[in-house]
Amino acid sequence: MTQLTHLTISKAKALLTKGEISSKDLVQAHLDAMEEKKGLNAFLTPCSDDALKKADLSDAKYKNNTARALEGIPLAYKDNFCTKMCAQHADQKYLKILYHLTKQRLQII
């Protein structure tokens, strides 16, 4: 089988749906690949524990046929998003500007 980190989204979805791979294995493979290339500093905060917990939830949804369209597919995004579960590493100046703009908009409403 192709390495889990080299699957297309459609192929990964098909394998998840058939039960040939698990979300947890797919996520763990990507986390391992990120760790191998840690020196590149491409991912500053991988949120591994949260990702693996969500993979377990996704696996349960596949088992009871309630999986959503992209259920269990690993997703990486730029660190300029504020997330509830993980520490932020975006530029501090950017976060201060974002905070003040948000505060101003909330006061207007």
PDB file of N, CA and C in Angstrom:
ATOM      1  N   MET A   1       0.849  -1.194   0.000  1.00  0.00           N
ATOM      2  CA  MET A   1       0.000   0.000   0.000  1.00  0.00           C
ATOM      3  C   MET A   1       0.884   1.244   0.000  1.00  0.00           C
ATOM      4  N   THR A   2       0.392   2.296  -0.607  1.00  0.00           N
ATOM      5  CA  THR A   2       1.054   3.590  -0.613  1.00  0.00           C
ATOM      6  C   THR A   2       1.229   4.066   0.827  1.00  0.00           C
ATOM      7  N   GLN A   3       2.303   4.773   1.070  1.00  0.00           N
ATOM      8  CA  GLN A   3       2.476   5.360   2.400  1.00  0.00           C
ATOM      9  C   GLN A   3       1.268   6.222   2.718  1.00  0.00           C
ATOM     10  N   LEU A   4       0.839   6.198   3.968  1.00  0.00           N
ATOM     11  CA  LEU A   4      -0.348   6.950   4.365  1.00  0.00           C
ATOM     12  C   LEU A   4      -0.204   8.447   4.122  1.00  0.00           C
ATOM     13  N   THR A   5       1.000   8.956   4.195  1.00  0.00           N
ATOM     14  CA  THR A   5       1.204  10.393   3.979  1.00  0.00           C
ATOM     15  C   THR A   5       1.184  10.781   2.503  1.00  0.00           C
ATOM     16  N   HIS A   6       1.143   9.796   1.616  1.00  0.00           N
ATOM     17  CA  HIS A   6       1.136  10.087   0.178  1.00  0.00           C
ATOM     18  C   HIS A   6      -0.226   9.850  -0.468  1.00  0.00           C
ATOM     19  N   LEU A   7      -1.227   9.533   0.327  1.00  0.00           N
ATOM     20  CA  LEU A   7      -2.566   9.304  -0.212  1.00  0.00           C
ATOM     21  C   LEU A   7      -3.226  10.619  -0.622  1.00  0.00           C
ATOM     22  N   THR A   8      -3.984  10.578  -1.693  1.00  0.00           N
ATOM     23  CA  THR A   8      -4.828  11.723  -2.017  1.00  0.00           C
ATOM     24  C   THR A   8      -5.992  11.746  -1.020  1.00  0.00           C
ATOM     25  N   ILE A   9      -6.686  12.855  -0.941  1.00  0.00           N
ATOM     26  CA  ILE A   9      -7.841  12.940  -0.045  1.00  0.00           C
ATOM     27  C   ILE A   9      -8.888  11.911  -0.447  1.00  0.00           C
ATOM     28  N   SER A  10      -9.148  11.784  -1.742  1.00  0.00           N
ATOM     29  CA  SER A  10     -10.186  10.838  -2.186  1.00  0.00           C
ATOM     30  C   SER A  10      -9.792   9.391  -1.887  1.00  0.00           C
ATOM     31  N   LYS A  11      -8.529   9.048  -2.056  1.00  0.00           N
ATOM     32  CA  LYS A  11      -8.075   7.688  -1.759  1.00  0.00           C
ATOM     33  C   LYS A  11      -8.134   7.428  -0.252  1.00  0.00           C
ATOM     34  N   ALA A  12      -7.697   8.387   0.551  1.00  0.00           N
ATOM     35  CA  ALA A  12      -7.757   8.229   2.006  1.00  0.00           C
ATOM     36  C   ALA A  12      -9.200   8.071   2.461  1.00  0.00           C
ATOM     37  N   LYS A  13     -10.090   8.868   1.911  1.00  0.00           N
ATOM     38  CA  LYS A  13     -11.515   8.786   2.253  1.00  0.00           C
ATOM     39  C   LYS A  13     -12.074   7.408   1.900  1.00  0.00           C
ATOM     40  N   ALA A  14     -11.718   6.904   0.733  1.00  0.00           N
ATOM     41  CA  ALA A  14     -12.201   5.586   0.307  1.00  0.00           C
ATOM     42  C   ALA A  14     -11.702   4.487   1.248  1.00  0.00           C
ATOM     43  N   LEU A  15     -10.432   4.551   1.622  1.00  0.00           N
ATOM     44  CA  LEU A  15      -9.862   3.547   2.524  1.00  0.00           C
ATOM     45  C   LEU A  15     -10.473   3.647   3.929  1.00  0.00           C
ATOM     46  N   LEU A  16     -10.734   4.869   4.379  1.00  0.00           N
ATOM     47  CA  LEU A  16     -11.385   5.056   5.677  1.00  0.00           C
ATOM     48  C   LEU A  16     -12.804   4.479   5.650  1.00  0.00           C
ATOM     49  N   THR A  17     -13.514   4.757   4.592  1.00  0.00           N
ATOM     50  CA  THR A  17     -14.895   4.286   4.458  1.00  0.00           C
ATOM     51  C   THR A  17     -14.964   2.755   4.427  1.00  0.00           C
ATOM     52  N   LYS A  18     -14.006   2.124   3.736  1.00  0.00           N
ATOM     53  CA  LYS A  18     -13.962   0.664   3.670  1.00  0.00           C
ATOM     54  C   LYS A  18     -13.434   0.038   4.962  1.00  0.00           C
ATOM     55  N   GLY A  19     -12.863   0.857   5.834  1.00  0.00           N
ATOM     56  CA  GLY A  19     -12.284   0.326   7.068  1.00  0.00           C
ATOM     57  C   GLY A  19     -10.909  -0.284   6.870  1.00  0.00           C
ATOM     58  N   GLU A  20     -10.265   0.022   5.747  1.00  0.00           N
ATOM     59  CA  GLU A  20      -8.936  -0.526   5.462  1.00  0.00           C
ATOM     60  C   GLU A  20      -7.830   0.217   6.204  1.00  0.00           C
ATOM     61  N   ILE A  21      -8.086   1.447   6.579  1.00  0.00           N
ATOM     62  CA  ILE A  21      -7.181   2.214   7.432  1.00  0.00           C
ATOM     63  C   ILE A  21      -8.038   2.907   8.487  1.00  0.00           C
ATOM     64  N   SER A  22      -7.394   3.368   9.535  1.00  0.00           N
ATOM     65  CA  SER A  22      -8.121   4.123  10.557  1.00  0.00           C
ATOM     66  C   SER A  22      -7.681   5.587  10.515  1.00  0.00           C
ATOM     67  N   SER A  23      -8.546   6.432  11.000  1.00  0.00           N
ATOM     68  CA  SER A  23      -8.200   7.859  11.095  1.00  0.00           C
ATOM     69  C   SER A  23      -6.991   8.033  11.994  1.00  0.00           C
ATOM     70  N   LYS A  24      -6.963   7.258  13.070  1.00  0.00           N
ATOM     71  CA  LYS A  24      -5.851   7.387  14.017  1.00  0.00           C
ATOM     72  C   LYS A  24      -4.521   7.034  13.352  1.00  0.00           C
ATOM     73  N   ASP A  25      -4.503   5.962  12.549  1.00  0.00           N
ATOM     74  CA  ASP A  25      -3.270   5.597  11.838  1.00  0.00           C
ATOM     75  C   ASP A  25      -2.874   6.670  10.832  1.00  0.00           C
ATOM     76  N   LEU A  26      -3.851   7.231  10.150  1.00  0.00           N
ATOM     77  CA  LEU A  26      -3.599   8.277   9.165  1.00  0.00           C
ATOM     78  C   LEU A  26      -3.030   9.529   9.836  1.00  0.00           C
ATOM     79  N   VAL A  27      -3.644   9.933  10.921  1.00  0.00           N
ATOM     80  CA  VAL A  27      -3.165  11.114  11.652  1.00  0.00           C
ATOM     81  C   VAL A  27      -1.775  10.852  12.228  1.00  0.00           C
ATOM     82  N   GLN A  28      -1.585   9.674  12.830  1.00  0.00           N
ATOM     83  CA  GLN A  28      -0.280   9.356  13.422  1.00  0.00           C
ATOM     84  C   GLN A  28       0.823   9.353  12.368  1.00  0.00           C
ATOM     85  N   ALA A  29       0.524   8.853  11.182  1.00  0.00           N
ATOM     86  CA  ALA A  29       1.514   8.856  10.104  1.00  0.00           C
ATOM     87  C   ALA A  29       1.935  10.283   9.749  1.00  0.00           C
ATOM     88  N   HIS A  30       0.971  11.191   9.707  1.00  0.00           N
ATOM     89  CA  HIS A  30       1.297  12.584   9.406  1.00  0.00           C
ATOM     90  C   HIS A  30       2.055  13.242  10.562  1.00  0.00           C
ATOM     91  N   LEU A  31       1.672  12.932  11.782  1.00  0.00           N
ATOM     92  CA  LEU A  31       2.405  13.470  12.939  1.00  0.00           C
ATOM     93  C   LEU A  31       3.847  12.968  12.942  1.00  0.00           C
ATOM     94  N   ASP A  32       4.041  11.695  12.615  1.00  0.00           N
ATOM     95  CA  ASP A  32       5.397  11.133  12.540  1.00  0.00           C
ATOM     96  C   ASP A  32       6.214  11.819  11.454  1.00  0.00           C
ATOM     97  N   ALA A  33       5.591  12.069  10.313  1.00  0.00           N
ATOM     98  CA  ALA A  33       6.293  12.753   9.212  1.00  0.00           C
ATOM     99  C   ALA A  33       6.669  14.181   9.619  1.00  0.00           C
ATOM    100  N   MET A  34       5.774  14.831  10.340  1.00  0.00           N
ATOM    101  CA  MET A  34       6.074  16.187  10.816  1.00  0.00           C
ATOM    102  C   MET A  34       7.248  16.160  11.786  1.00  0.00           C
ATOM    103  N   GLU A  35       7.290  15.163  12.649  1.00  0.00           N
ATOM    104  CA  GLU A  35       8.381  15.042  13.625  1.00  0.00           C
ATOM    105  C   GLU A  35       9.713  14.774  12.919  1.00  0.00           C
ATOM    106  N   GLU A  36       9.673  13.935  11.891  1.00  0.00           N
ATOM    107  CA  GLU A  36      10.894  13.630  11.122  1.00  0.00           C
ATOM    108  C   GLU A  36      11.492  14.886  10.492  1.00  0.00           C
ATOM    109  N   LYS A  37      10.642  15.805  10.075  1.00  0.00           N
ATOM    110  CA  LYS A  37      11.098  17.030   9.398  1.00  0.00           C
ATOM    111  C   LYS A  37      11.019  18.249  10.321  1.00  0.00           C
ATOM    112  N   LYS A  38      11.068  18.018  11.619  1.00  0.00           N
ATOM    113  CA  LYS A  38      10.919  19.089  12.603  1.00  0.00           C
ATOM    114  C   LYS A  38      11.896  20.259  12.362  1.00  0.00           C
ATOM    115  N   GLY A  39      13.071  19.949  11.891  1.00  0.00           N
ATOM    116  CA  GLY A  39      14.080  20.966  11.655  1.00  0.00           C
ATOM    117  C   GLY A  39      13.678  22.023  10.636  1.00  0.00           C
ATOM    118  N   LEU A  40      12.682  21.737   9.826  1.00  0.00           N
ATOM    119  CA  LEU A  40      12.218  22.705   8.832  1.00  0.00           C
ATOM    120  C   LEU A  40      11.383  23.827   9.453  1.00  0.00           C
ATOM    121  N   ASN A  41      10.901  23.611  10.672  1.00  0.00           N
ATOM    122  CA  ASN A  41      10.026  24.573  11.365  1.00  0.00           C
ATOM    123  C   ASN A  41       8.769  24.903  10.565  1.00  0.00           C
ATOM    124  N   ALA A  42       8.270  23.936   9.826  1.00  0.00           N
ATOM    125  CA  ALA A  42       7.055  24.141   9.043  1.00  0.00           C
ATOM    126  C   ALA A  42       5.818  24.103   9.939  1.00  0.00           C
ATOM    127  N   PHE A  43       5.870  23.283  10.982  1.00  0.00           N
ATOM    128  CA  PHE A  43       4.760  23.165  11.928  1.00  0.00           C
ATOM    129  C   PHE A  43       5.285  23.485  13.320  1.00  0.00           C
ATOM    130  N   LEU A  44       4.863  24.612  13.859  1.00  0.00           N
ATOM    131  CA  LEU A  44       5.348  25.014  15.166  1.00  0.00           C
ATOM    132  C   LEU A  44       4.564  24.361  16.299  1.00  0.00           C
ATOM    133  N   THR A  45       3.273  24.174  16.106  1.00  0.00           N
ATOM    134  CA  THR A  45       2.418  23.606  17.147  1.00  0.00           C
ATOM    135  C   THR A  45       1.530  22.530  16.527  1.00  0.00           C
ATOM    136  N   PRO A  46       1.959  21.277  16.545  1.00  0.00           N
ATOM    137  CA  PRO A  46       1.173  20.247  15.884  1.00  0.00           C
ATOM    138  C   PRO A  46      -0.109  19.814  16.609  1.00  0.00           C
ATOM    139  N   CYS A  47      -0.294  20.142  17.868  1.00  0.00           N
ATOM    140  CA  CYS A  47      -1.514  19.774  18.612  1.00  0.00           C
ATOM    141  C   CYS A  47      -1.781  18.270  18.514  1.00  0.00           C
ATOM    142  N   SER A  48      -0.757  17.474  18.707  1.00  0.00           N
ATOM    143  CA  SER A  48      -0.815  16.025  18.508  1.00  0.00           C
ATOM    144  C   SER A  48      -1.884  15.339  19.346  1.00  0.00           C
ATOM    145  N   ASP A  49      -1.936  15.645  20.641  1.00  0.00           N
ATOM    146  CA  ASP A  49      -2.910  14.979  21.517  1.00  0.00           C
ATOM    147  C   ASP A  49      -4.339  15.233  21.058  1.00  0.00           C
ATOM    148  N   ASP A  50      -4.624  16.483  20.723  1.00  0.00           N
ATOM    149  CA  ASP A  50      -5.969  16.838  20.256  1.00  0.00           C
ATOM    150  C   ASP A  50      -6.288  16.150  18.931  1.00  0.00           C
ATOM    151  N   ALA A  51      -5.306  16.103  18.037  1.00  0.00           N
ATOM    152  CA  ALA A  51      -5.504  15.460  16.737  1.00  0.00           C
ATOM    153  C   ALA A  51      -5.809  13.968  16.902  1.00  0.00           C
ATOM    154  N   LEU A  52      -5.105  13.306  17.804  1.00  0.00           N
ATOM    155  CA  LEU A  52      -5.328  11.875  18.013  1.00  0.00           C
ATOM    156  C   LEU A  52      -6.674  11.608  18.688  1.00  0.00           C
ATOM    157  N   LYS A  53      -7.089  12.477  19.596  1.00  0.00           N
ATOM    158  CA  LYS A  53      -8.415  12.333  20.217  1.00  0.00           C
ATOM    159  C   LYS A  53      -9.515  12.481  19.161  1.00  0.00           C
ATOM    160  N   LYS A  54      -9.351  13.469  18.290  1.00  0.00           N
ATOM    161  CA  LYS A  54     -10.348  13.678  17.236  1.00  0.00           C
ATOM    162  C   LYS A  54     -10.334  12.532  16.226  1.00  0.00           C
ATOM    163  N   ALA A  55      -9.166  11.938  16.008  1.00  0.00           N
ATOM    164  CA  ALA A  55      -9.081  10.779  15.107  1.00  0.00           C
ATOM    165  C   ALA A  55      -9.870   9.603  15.694  1.00  0.00           C
ATOM    166  N   ASP A  56      -9.786   9.407  17.005  1.00  0.00           N
ATOM    167  CA  ASP A  56     -10.575   8.351  17.657  1.00  0.00           C
ATOM    168  C   ASP A  56     -12.069   8.595  17.461  1.00  0.00           C
ATOM    169  N   LEU A  57     -12.492   9.856  17.600  1.00  0.00           N
ATOM    170  CA  LEU A  57     -13.903  10.196  17.386  1.00  0.00           C
ATOM    171  C   LEU A  57     -14.313   9.933  15.937  1.00  0.00           C
ATOM    172  N   SER A  58     -13.427  10.256  15.018  1.00  0.00           N
ATOM    173  CA  SER A  58     -13.705  10.009  13.599  1.00  0.00           C
ATOM    174  C   SER A  58     -13.835   8.520  13.322  1.00  0.00           C
ATOM    175  N   ASP A  59     -12.957   7.728  13.915  1.00  0.00           N
ATOM    176  CA  ASP A  59     -13.039   6.278  13.720  1.00  0.00           C
ATOM    177  C   ASP A  59     -14.377   5.734  14.201  1.00  0.00           C
ATOM    178  N   ALA A  60     -14.861   6.245  15.317  1.00  0.00           N
ATOM    179  CA  ALA A  60     -16.166   5.812  15.831  1.00  0.00           C
ATOM    180  C   ALA A  60     -17.282   6.183  14.853  1.00  0.00           C
ATOM    181  N   LYS A  61     -17.171   7.345  14.227  1.00  0.00           N
ATOM    182  CA  LYS A  61     -18.193   7.766  13.259  1.00  0.00           C
ATOM    183  C   LYS A  61     -18.173   6.894  12.005  1.00  0.00           C
ATOM    184  N   TYR A  62     -16.984   6.464  11.594  1.00  0.00           N
ATOM    185  CA  TYR A  62     -16.915   5.549  10.446  1.00  0.00           C
ATOM    186  C   TYR A  62     -17.568   4.214  10.794  1.00  0.00           C
ATOM    187  N   LYS A  63     -17.365   3.765  12.017  1.00  0.00           N
ATOM    188  CA  LYS A  63     -17.938   2.474  12.423  1.00  0.00           C
ATOM    189  C   LYS A  63     -19.459   2.505  12.477  1.00  0.00           C
ATOM    190  N   ASN A  64     -20.037   3.669  12.856  1.00  0.00           N
ATOM    191  CA  ASN A  64     -21.511   3.723  12.922  1.00  0.00           C
ATOM    192  C   ASN A  64     -22.123   4.481  11.734  1.00  0.00           C
ATOM    193  N   ASN A  65     -21.342   4.613  10.647  1.00  0.00           N
ATOM    194  CA  ASN A  65     -21.818   5.210   9.390  1.00  0.00           C
ATOM    195  C   ASN A  65     -22.352   6.635   9.533  1.00  0.00           C
ATOM    196  N   THR A  66     -21.728   7.431  10.373  1.00  0.00           N
ATOM    197  CA  THR A  66     -22.122   8.835  10.508  1.00  0.00           C
ATOM    198  C   THR A  66     -20.976   9.782  10.151  1.00  0.00           C
ATOM    199  N   ALA A  67     -19.972   9.260   9.441  1.00  0.00           N
ATOM    200  CA  ALA A  67     -18.815  10.082   9.073  1.00  0.00           C
ATOM    201  C   ALA A  67     -19.218  11.171   8.084  1.00  0.00           C
ATOM    202  N   ARG A  68     -18.702  12.372   8.315  1.00  0.00           N
ATOM    203  CA  ARG A  68     -18.952  13.502   7.412  1.00  0.00           C
ATOM    204  C   ARG A  68     -17.985  13.447   6.228  1.00  0.00           C
ATOM    205  N   ALA A  69     -18.142  14.357   5.299  1.00  0.00           N
ATOM    206  CA  ALA A  69     -17.401  14.324   4.026  1.00  0.00           C
ATOM    207  C   ALA A  69     -15.878  14.224   4.199  1.00  0.00           C
ATOM    208  N   LEU A  70     -15.284  15.013   5.050  1.00  0.00           N
ATOM    209  CA  LEU A  70     -13.826  14.987   5.233  1.00  0.00           C
ATOM    210  C   LEU A  70     -13.433  14.421   6.600  1.00  0.00           C
ATOM    211  N   GLU A  71     -14.302  13.642   7.169  1.00  0.00           N
ATOM    212  CA  GLU A  71     -14.074  13.042   8.494  1.00  0.00           C
ATOM    213  C   GLU A  71     -12.765  12.263   8.521  1.00  0.00           C
ATOM    214  N   GLY A  72     -11.912  12.581   9.493  1.00  0.00           N
ATOM    215  CA  GLY A  72     -10.682  11.833   9.701  1.00  0.00           C
ATOM    216  C   GLY A  72      -9.531  12.182   8.785  1.00  0.00           C
ATOM    217  N   ILE A  73      -9.716  13.129   7.889  1.00  0.00           N
ATOM    218  CA  ILE A  73      -8.655  13.541   6.971  1.00  0.00           C
ATOM    219  C   ILE A  73      -7.799  14.598   7.674  1.00  0.00           C
ATOM    220  N   PRO A  74      -6.497  14.353   7.834  1.00  0.00           N
ATOM    221  CA  PRO A  74      -5.635  15.347   8.493  1.00  0.00           C
ATOM    222  C   PRO A  74      -5.622  16.669   7.729  1.00  0.00           C
ATOM    223  N   LEU A  75      -5.569  17.745   8.475  1.00  0.00           N
ATOM    224  CA  LEU A  75      -5.577  19.083   7.897  1.00  0.00           C
ATOM    225  C   LEU A  75      -4.511  19.924   8.573  1.00  0.00           C
ATOM    226  N   ALA A  76      -3.717  20.596   7.787  1.00  0.00           N
ATOM    227  CA  ALA A  76      -2.721  21.527   8.316  1.00  0.00           C
ATOM    228  C   ALA A  76      -3.090  22.919   7.832  1.00  0.00           C
ATOM    229  N   TYR A  77      -2.914  23.902   8.700  1.00  0.00           N
ATOM    230  CA  TYR A  77      -3.191  25.274   8.280  1.00  0.00           C
ATOM    231  C   TYR A  77      -2.170  26.220   8.875  1.00  0.00           C
ATOM    232  N   LYS A  78      -2.066  27.367   8.255  1.00  0.00           N
ATOM    233  CA  LYS A  78      -1.094  28.380   8.646  1.00  0.00           C
ATOM    234  C   LYS A  78      -1.329  28.826  10.076  1.00  0.00           C
ATOM    235  N   ASP A  79      -0.275  29.223  10.744  1.00  0.00           N
ATOM    236  CA  ASP A  79      -0.363  29.569  12.157  1.00  0.00           C
ATOM    237  C   ASP A  79      -0.950  30.952  12.435  1.00  0.00           C
ATOM    238  N   ASN A  80      -1.552  31.585  11.457  1.00  0.00           N
ATOM    239  CA  ASN A  80      -2.152  32.889  11.712  1.00  0.00           C
ATOM    240  C   ASN A  80      -3.630  32.776  12.072  1.00  0.00           C
ATOM    241  N   PHE A  81      -4.084  31.570  12.371  1.00  0.00           N
ATOM    242  CA  PHE A  81      -5.440  31.359  12.857  1.00  0.00           C
ATOM    243  C   PHE A  81      -5.391  31.216  14.367  1.00  0.00           C
ATOM    244  N   CYS A  82      -6.326  31.820  15.047  1.00  0.00           N
ATOM    245  CA  CYS A  82      -6.424  31.638  16.488  1.00  0.00           C
ATOM    246  C   CYS A  82      -7.252  30.385  16.733  1.00  0.00           C
ATOM    247  N   THR A  83      -6.709  29.474  17.510  1.00  0.00           N
ATOM    248  CA  THR A  83      -7.398  28.223  17.785  1.00  0.00           C
ATOM    249  C   THR A  83      -7.693  28.106  19.268  1.00  0.00           C
ATOM    250  N   LYS A  84      -8.742  27.403  19.586  1.00  0.00           N
ATOM    251  CA  LYS A  84      -9.172  27.253  20.966  1.00  0.00           C
ATOM    252  C   LYS A  84      -8.268  26.311  21.751  1.00  0.00           C
ATOM    253  N   MET A  85      -7.800  25.242  21.126  1.00  0.00           N
ATOM    254  CA  MET A  85      -7.116  24.183  21.852  1.00  0.00           C
ATOM    255  C   MET A  85      -5.592  24.294  21.877  1.00  0.00           C
ATOM    256  N   CYS A  86      -4.979  25.104  21.027  1.00  0.00           N
ATOM    257  CA  CYS A  86      -3.520  25.111  20.927  1.00  0.00           C
ATOM    258  C   CYS A  86      -2.938  26.500  21.138  1.00  0.00           C
ATOM    259  N   ALA A  87      -1.688  26.498  21.572  1.00  0.00           N
ATOM    260  CA  ALA A  87      -0.967  27.759  21.770  1.00  0.00           C
ATOM    261  C   ALA A  87      -0.779  28.464  20.434  1.00  0.00           C
ATOM    262  N   GLN A  88      -0.664  29.781  20.489  1.00  0.00           N
ATOM    263  CA  GLN A  88      -0.490  30.569  19.274  1.00  0.00           C
ATOM    264  C   GLN A  88       0.975  30.936  19.104  1.00  0.00           C
ATOM    265  N   HIS A  89       1.445  30.932  17.864  1.00  0.00           N
ATOM    266  CA  HIS A  89       2.824  31.318  17.578  1.00  0.00           C
ATOM    267  C   HIS A  89       2.904  32.376  16.496  1.00  0.00           C
ATOM    268  N   ALA A  90       1.798  32.957  16.154  1.00  0.00           N
ATOM    269  CA  ALA A  90       1.829  34.020  15.141  1.00  0.00           C
ATOM    270  C   ALA A  90       2.567  35.227  15.710  1.00  0.00           C
ATOM    271  N   ASP A  91       2.972  36.083  14.846  1.00  0.00           N
ATOM    272  CA  ASP A  91       3.672  37.294  15.245  1.00  0.00           C
ATOM    273  C   ASP A  91       2.882  38.045  16.302  1.00  0.00           C
ATOM    274  N   GLN A  92       3.515  38.392  17.401  1.00  0.00           N
ATOM    275  CA  GLN A  92       2.837  39.062  18.506  1.00  0.00           C
ATOM    276  C   GLN A  92       2.238  40.404  18.089  1.00  0.00           C
ATOM    277  N   LYS A  93       2.920  41.110  17.206  1.00  0.00           N
ATOM    278  CA  LYS A  93       2.393  42.384  16.716  1.00  0.00           C
ATOM    279  C   LYS A  93       1.072  42.153  15.984  1.00  0.00           C
ATOM    280  N   TYR A  94       1.026  41.105  15.174  1.00  0.00           N
ATOM    281  CA  TYR A  94      -0.193  40.751  14.446  1.00  0.00           C
ATOM    282  C   TYR A  94      -1.329  40.468  15.426  1.00  0.00           C
ATOM    283  N   LEU A  95      -1.049  39.690  16.465  1.00  0.00           N
ATOM    284  CA  LEU A  95      -2.093  39.344  17.429  1.00  0.00           C
ATOM    285  C   LEU A  95      -2.604  40.579  18.174  1.00  0.00           C
ATOM    286  N   LYS A  96      -1.725  41.511  18.486  1.00  0.00           N
ATOM    287  CA  LYS A  96      -2.149  42.750  19.157  1.00  0.00           C
ATOM    288  C   LYS A  96      -3.078  43.558  18.250  1.00  0.00           C
ATOM    289  N   ILE A  97      -2.724  43.659  16.976  1.00  0.00           N
ATOM    290  CA  ILE A  97      -3.571  44.383  16.022  1.00  0.00           C
ATOM    291  C   ILE A  97      -4.921  43.693  15.905  1.00  0.00           C
ATOM    292  N   LEU A  98      -4.907  42.362  15.776  1.00  0.00           N
ATOM    293  CA  LEU A  98      -6.145  41.594  15.671  1.00  0.00           C
ATOM    294  C   LEU A  98      -7.010  41.806  16.915  1.00  0.00           C
ATOM    295  N   TYR A  99      -6.402  41.793  18.086  1.00  0.00           N
ATOM    296  CA  TYR A  99      -7.140  41.997  19.336  1.00  0.00           C
ATOM    297  C   TYR A  99      -7.823  43.365  19.340  1.00  0.00           C
ATOM    298  N   HIS A 100      -7.085  44.411  18.982  1.00  0.00           N
ATOM    299  CA  HIS A 100      -7.657  45.765  19.007  1.00  0.00           C
ATOM    300  C   HIS A 100      -8.759  45.943  17.958  1.00  0.00           C
ATOM    301  N   LEU A 101      -8.574  45.356  16.775  1.00  0.00           N
ATOM    302  CA  LEU A 101      -9.623  45.441  15.754  1.00  0.00           C
ATOM    303  C   LEU A 101     -10.887  44.709  16.211  1.00  0.00           C
ATOM    304  N   THR A 102     -10.710  43.551  16.785  1.00  0.00           N
ATOM    305  CA  THR A 102     -11.856  42.785  17.281  1.00  0.00           C
ATOM    306  C   THR A 102     -12.556  43.549  18.397  1.00  0.00           C
ATOM    307  N   LYS A 103     -11.782  44.106  19.303  1.00  0.00           N
ATOM    308  CA  LYS A 103     -12.352  44.867  20.424  1.00  0.00           C
ATOM    309  C   LYS A 103     -13.146  46.068  19.902  1.00  0.00           C
ATOM    310  N   GLN A 104     -12.599  46.760  18.900  1.00  0.00           N
ATOM    311  CA  GLN A 104     -13.294  47.902  18.324  1.00  0.00           C
ATOM    312  C   GLN A 104     -14.603  47.475  17.684  1.00  0.00           C
ATOM    313  N   ARG A 105     -14.590  46.387  16.935  1.00  0.00           N
ATOM    314  CA  ARG A 105     -15.808  45.913  16.266  1.00  0.00           C
ATOM    315  C   ARG A 105     -16.862  45.479  17.275  1.00  0.00           C
ATOM    316  N   LEU A 106     -16.446  44.845  18.347  1.00  0.00           N
ATOM    317  CA  LEU A 106     -17.396  44.418  19.364  1.00  0.00           C
ATOM    318  C   LEU A 106     -18.036  45.626  20.061  1.00  0.00           C
ATOM    319  N   GLN A 107     -17.276  46.693  20.221  1.00  0.00           N
ATOM    320  CA  GLN A 107     -17.800  47.882  20.872  1.00  0.00           C
ATOM    321  C   GLN A 107     -18.794  48.606  19.956  1.00  0.00           C
ATOM    322  N   ILE A 108     -18.608  48.487  18.651  1.00  0.00           N
ATOM    323  CA  ILE A 108     -19.504  49.139  17.690  1.00  0.00           C
ATOM    324  C   ILE A 108     -20.861  48.439  17.674  1.00  0.00           C
ATOM    325  N   ILE A 109     -20.858  47.132  17.798  1.00  0.00           N
ATOM    326  CA  ILE A 109     -22.097  46.351  17.680  1.00  0.00           C
ATOM    327  C   ILE A 109     -23.022  46.587  18.824  1.00  0.00           C
TER     328      ILE A 109
END
